[in-house]
Structure formats: C-alpha cells, structure tokens
Amino acid sequence: MNLFKKSALTLVGLVLSGTALADPVGLWKTFDLNNPSIATSLVKVTFENGAYVGRLQKVIRAGATSNVCLKEACKGAYAGKDMSGAPVIWGFKSAGGNQYSGGVAYDLQNDKKYSATITDAGNRLILKAGYKVMGSVVGKSTTWVRVN
C-alpha cells in the first residue's frame, strides 16, 4: 500500500473515531433564541437511566441576580420559584455517531415541552426543538457552547 493510501485511511479512521466519541455530557452555555449573542444560562448534561438529561445550573443572562424565575417572566410550575436543577432537556438516546434523538426540550418560562434532537459537534451542541412532523423535528435550532 502506498503512503497516500495509508495516510488517507489513517485520516478516515481519526475522523470516524472522533465522531464515535462525541458525547454531550458536560457543562454548556445556552443562548437566547431570538438573539443568539446573548448568553442565558448554564446547563449540565448527564447520562441518567440510559438517556441524556440537561438540568439548569445557573441563569447568567445580564441583570439576573438569582435562578428564580420571576412571576412576570414565567408561566407554569416555575413561576416565582428557583429553577436550579430543573430539567430543560431529557430522554435523548444515541441515534448513531454524534446524533441524539427521542428527546424533549422544556421551555421553563412558557411551561411548554417540545420534541427535540441534538447534534454534538464537539465544543458545540446543536439543539433542534419543535413539533414532530412525519418523524422529523420541525422548529427552531439553537447552539450551546461547551464550558471547559
């Protein structure tokens, strides 16, 4: 085998092994859906009971002084309450490579649940949440950034 073929096979192996090692476990910075330059919170993703779960760790939006969801800004179960540890995503299972499906994204402020998928891009986590249409999630995407 010539040097070119060996190098190409090595490169393909490295790319495939990097994809196979994708894992969303860790701490992630989230951003405002309407203004993606504004960081809003820190979410810790763990693997629990065979699925990935993300829980709110801290609200970091400018002006926030605590993790309490102010009544005028929140509806539902978390209105006026501390959101620390509240699940914001759950139920994700590997769909192969760096893809995770079968999950739910929970909007704490509006008390709504959406079907969701995740793509783990290493230092970025792409969360797509919305409604299932013919087996696919149709809705908005947001990118979370890994916190080291």
Protein backbone atom coordinates (compact mmCIF):
# COMPACT_ATOMS: atom_id res chain seq x y z
CA MET A 1 0.00 0.00 0.00
CA ASN A 2 1.46 3.34 -0.93
CA LEU A 3 1.96 6.22 1.51
CA PHE A 4 -1.01 8.19 0.13
CA LYS A 5 -3.48 5.33 0.73
CA LYS A 6 -2.11 4.75 4.25
CA SER A 7 -2.43 8.44 5.09
CA ALA A 8 -5.98 8.59 3.70
CA LEU A 9 -7.04 5.52 5.70
CA THR A 10 -5.48 6.94 8.86
CA LEU A 11 -7.33 10.24 8.35
CA VAL A 12 -10.66 8.46 7.77
CA GLY A 13 -10.08 6.40 10.93
CA LEU A 14 -9.38 9.52 13.00
CA VAL A 15 -12.49 11.28 11.70
CA LEU A 16 -14.70 8.27 12.38
CA SER A 17 -13.26 7.71 15.86
CA GLY A 18 -13.84 11.39 16.73
CA THR A 19 -17.48 11.08 15.70
CA ALA A 20 -17.89 7.86 17.68
CA LEU A 21 -16.53 9.59 20.80
CA ALA A 22 -18.98 12.50 20.62
CA ASP A 23 -20.71 12.74 23.98
CA PRO A 24 -22.93 15.60 25.17
CA VAL A 25 -22.09 15.06 28.86
CA GLY A 26 -20.70 18.27 30.37
CA LEU A 27 -21.47 21.88 31.14
CA TRP A 28 -22.98 24.01 28.36
CA LYS A 29 -23.67 27.74 27.93
CA THR A 30 -27.07 28.42 26.33
CA PHE A 31 -28.15 31.44 24.31
CA ASP A 32 -31.31 33.46 23.69
CA LEU A 33 -33.32 32.02 20.77
CA ASN A 34 -34.18 35.48 19.43
CA ASN A 35 -30.71 36.97 19.98
CA PRO A 36 -28.01 34.26 19.86
CA SER A 37 -25.31 36.67 21.02
CA ILE A 38 -26.89 36.83 24.49
CA ALA A 39 -25.86 34.03 26.88
CA THR A 40 -28.76 33.00 29.12
CA SER A 41 -27.82 30.02 31.29
CA LEU A 42 -25.51 27.16 32.15
CA VAL A 43 -26.92 23.65 31.72
CA LYS A 44 -25.24 20.48 32.96
CA VAL A 45 -25.87 17.41 30.78
CA THR A 46 -25.54 13.99 32.39
CA PHE A 47 -26.33 10.40 31.41
CA GLU A 48 -29.06 9.01 33.68
CA ASN A 49 -31.00 5.75 33.39
CA GLY A 50 -29.96 5.17 29.77
CA ALA A 51 -30.69 8.69 28.46
CA TYR A 52 -29.14 12.16 28.42
CA VAL A 53 -30.65 14.82 30.70
CA GLY A 54 -29.77 18.53 30.97
CA ARG A 55 -30.51 20.46 34.16
CA LEU A 56 -30.31 24.20 34.69
CA GLN A 57 -27.31 25.12 36.84
CA LYS A 58 -27.30 28.89 36.70
CA VAL A 59 -29.05 31.79 34.99
CA ILE A 60 -26.36 34.06 33.51
CA ARG A 61 -28.49 36.49 31.49
CA ALA A 62 -27.40 40.09 32.12
CA GLY A 63 -29.31 41.54 35.06
CA ALA A 64 -30.18 38.16 36.61
CA THR A 65 -29.44 38.11 40.33
CA SER A 66 -30.64 34.57 41.07
CA ASN A 67 -32.09 31.43 39.50
CA VAL A 68 -35.63 32.43 40.47
CA CYS A 69 -37.98 32.72 37.51
CA LEU A 70 -39.82 35.98 38.12
CA LYS A 71 -43.59 35.63 38.04
CA GLU A 72 -43.95 38.31 35.37
CA ALA A 73 -41.48 36.42 33.14
CA CYS A 74 -42.60 32.82 33.78
CA LYS A 75 -45.74 30.78 33.44
CA GLY A 76 -46.46 27.41 34.98
CA ALA A 77 -44.62 25.35 37.57
CA TYR A 78 -41.52 27.55 37.94
CA ALA A 79 -43.20 30.97 38.21
CA GLY A 80 -41.63 32.70 41.21
CA LYS A 81 -39.52 29.64 42.07
CA ASP A 82 -35.85 28.67 41.99
CA MET A 83 -35.12 26.84 38.73
CA SER A 84 -31.78 25.36 39.92
CA GLY A 85 -31.64 21.72 38.89
CA ALA A 86 -34.79 21.95 36.78
CA PRO A 87 -34.66 19.64 33.75
CA VAL A 88 -34.59 21.57 30.47
CA ILE A 89 -33.84 18.61 28.18
CA TRP A 90 -34.30 14.88 28.76
CA GLY A 91 -34.81 11.50 27.12
CA PHE A 92 -32.11 11.73 24.44
CA LYS A 93 -30.62 8.48 23.19
CA SER A 94 -27.89 7.91 20.67
CA ALA A 95 -29.09 7.73 17.07
CA GLY A 96 -25.57 6.88 15.88
CA GLY A 97 -22.42 8.94 15.53
CA ASN A 98 -22.93 12.38 17.02
CA GLN A 99 -26.74 12.40 16.72
CA TYR A 100 -29.20 12.06 19.63
CA SER A 101 -32.96 11.77 19.24
CA GLY A 102 -36.16 10.95 21.09
CA GLY A 103 -35.69 13.82 23.50
CA VAL A 104 -37.77 16.59 24.95
CA ALA A 105 -36.84 20.26 25.37
CA TYR A 106 -38.70 22.13 28.10
CA ASP A 107 -39.24 25.88 27.95
CA LEU A 108 -39.28 26.83 31.64
CA GLN A 109 -40.56 30.35 31.03
CA ASN A 110 -43.55 29.33 28.93
CA ASP A 111 -44.14 25.91 30.53
CA LYS A 112 -44.07 24.13 27.14
CA LYS A 113 -42.49 20.85 26.03
CA TYR A 114 -41.17 20.21 22.54
CA SER A 115 -39.81 17.19 20.68
CA ALA A 116 -36.08 17.62 20.20
CA THR A 117 -32.88 16.26 18.66
CA ILE A 118 -29.25 17.01 19.44
CA THR A 119 -26.15 17.08 17.26
CA ASP A 120 -22.91 17.02 19.24
CA ALA A 121 -20.29 18.98 17.30
CA GLY A 122 -17.56 18.73 19.92
CA ASN A 123 -17.50 22.14 21.57
CA ARG A 124 -20.94 22.98 20.22
CA LEU A 125 -24.26 21.27 20.86
CA ILE A 126 -26.98 21.95 18.32
CA LEU A 127 -30.43 21.54 19.82
CA LYS A 128 -33.38 21.47 17.45
CA ALA A 129 -36.76 21.67 19.16
CA GLY A 130 -40.28 21.90 17.83
CA TYR A 131 -43.01 19.59 16.67
CA LYS A 132 -42.66 16.15 15.10
CA VAL A 133 -43.82 16.06 11.51
CA MET A 134 -43.56 12.71 9.73
CA GLY A 135 -40.83 11.54 12.12
CA SER A 136 -38.67 14.68 11.93
CA VAL A 137 -38.47 17.61 14.31
CA VAL A 138 -39.55 20.86 12.66
CA GLY A 139 -38.86 24.02 14.63
CA LYS A 140 -36.07 26.24 15.89
CA SER A 141 -32.41 25.42 16.42
CA THR A 142 -30.06 26.85 18.96
CA THR A 143 -26.38 26.25 19.54
CA TRP A 144 -24.95 25.69 23.01
CA VAL A 145 -21.22 26.12 23.67
CA ARG A 146 -19.25 23.73 25.88
CA VAL A 147 -17.80 25.32 29.05
CA ASN A 148 -14.38 23.93 29.98
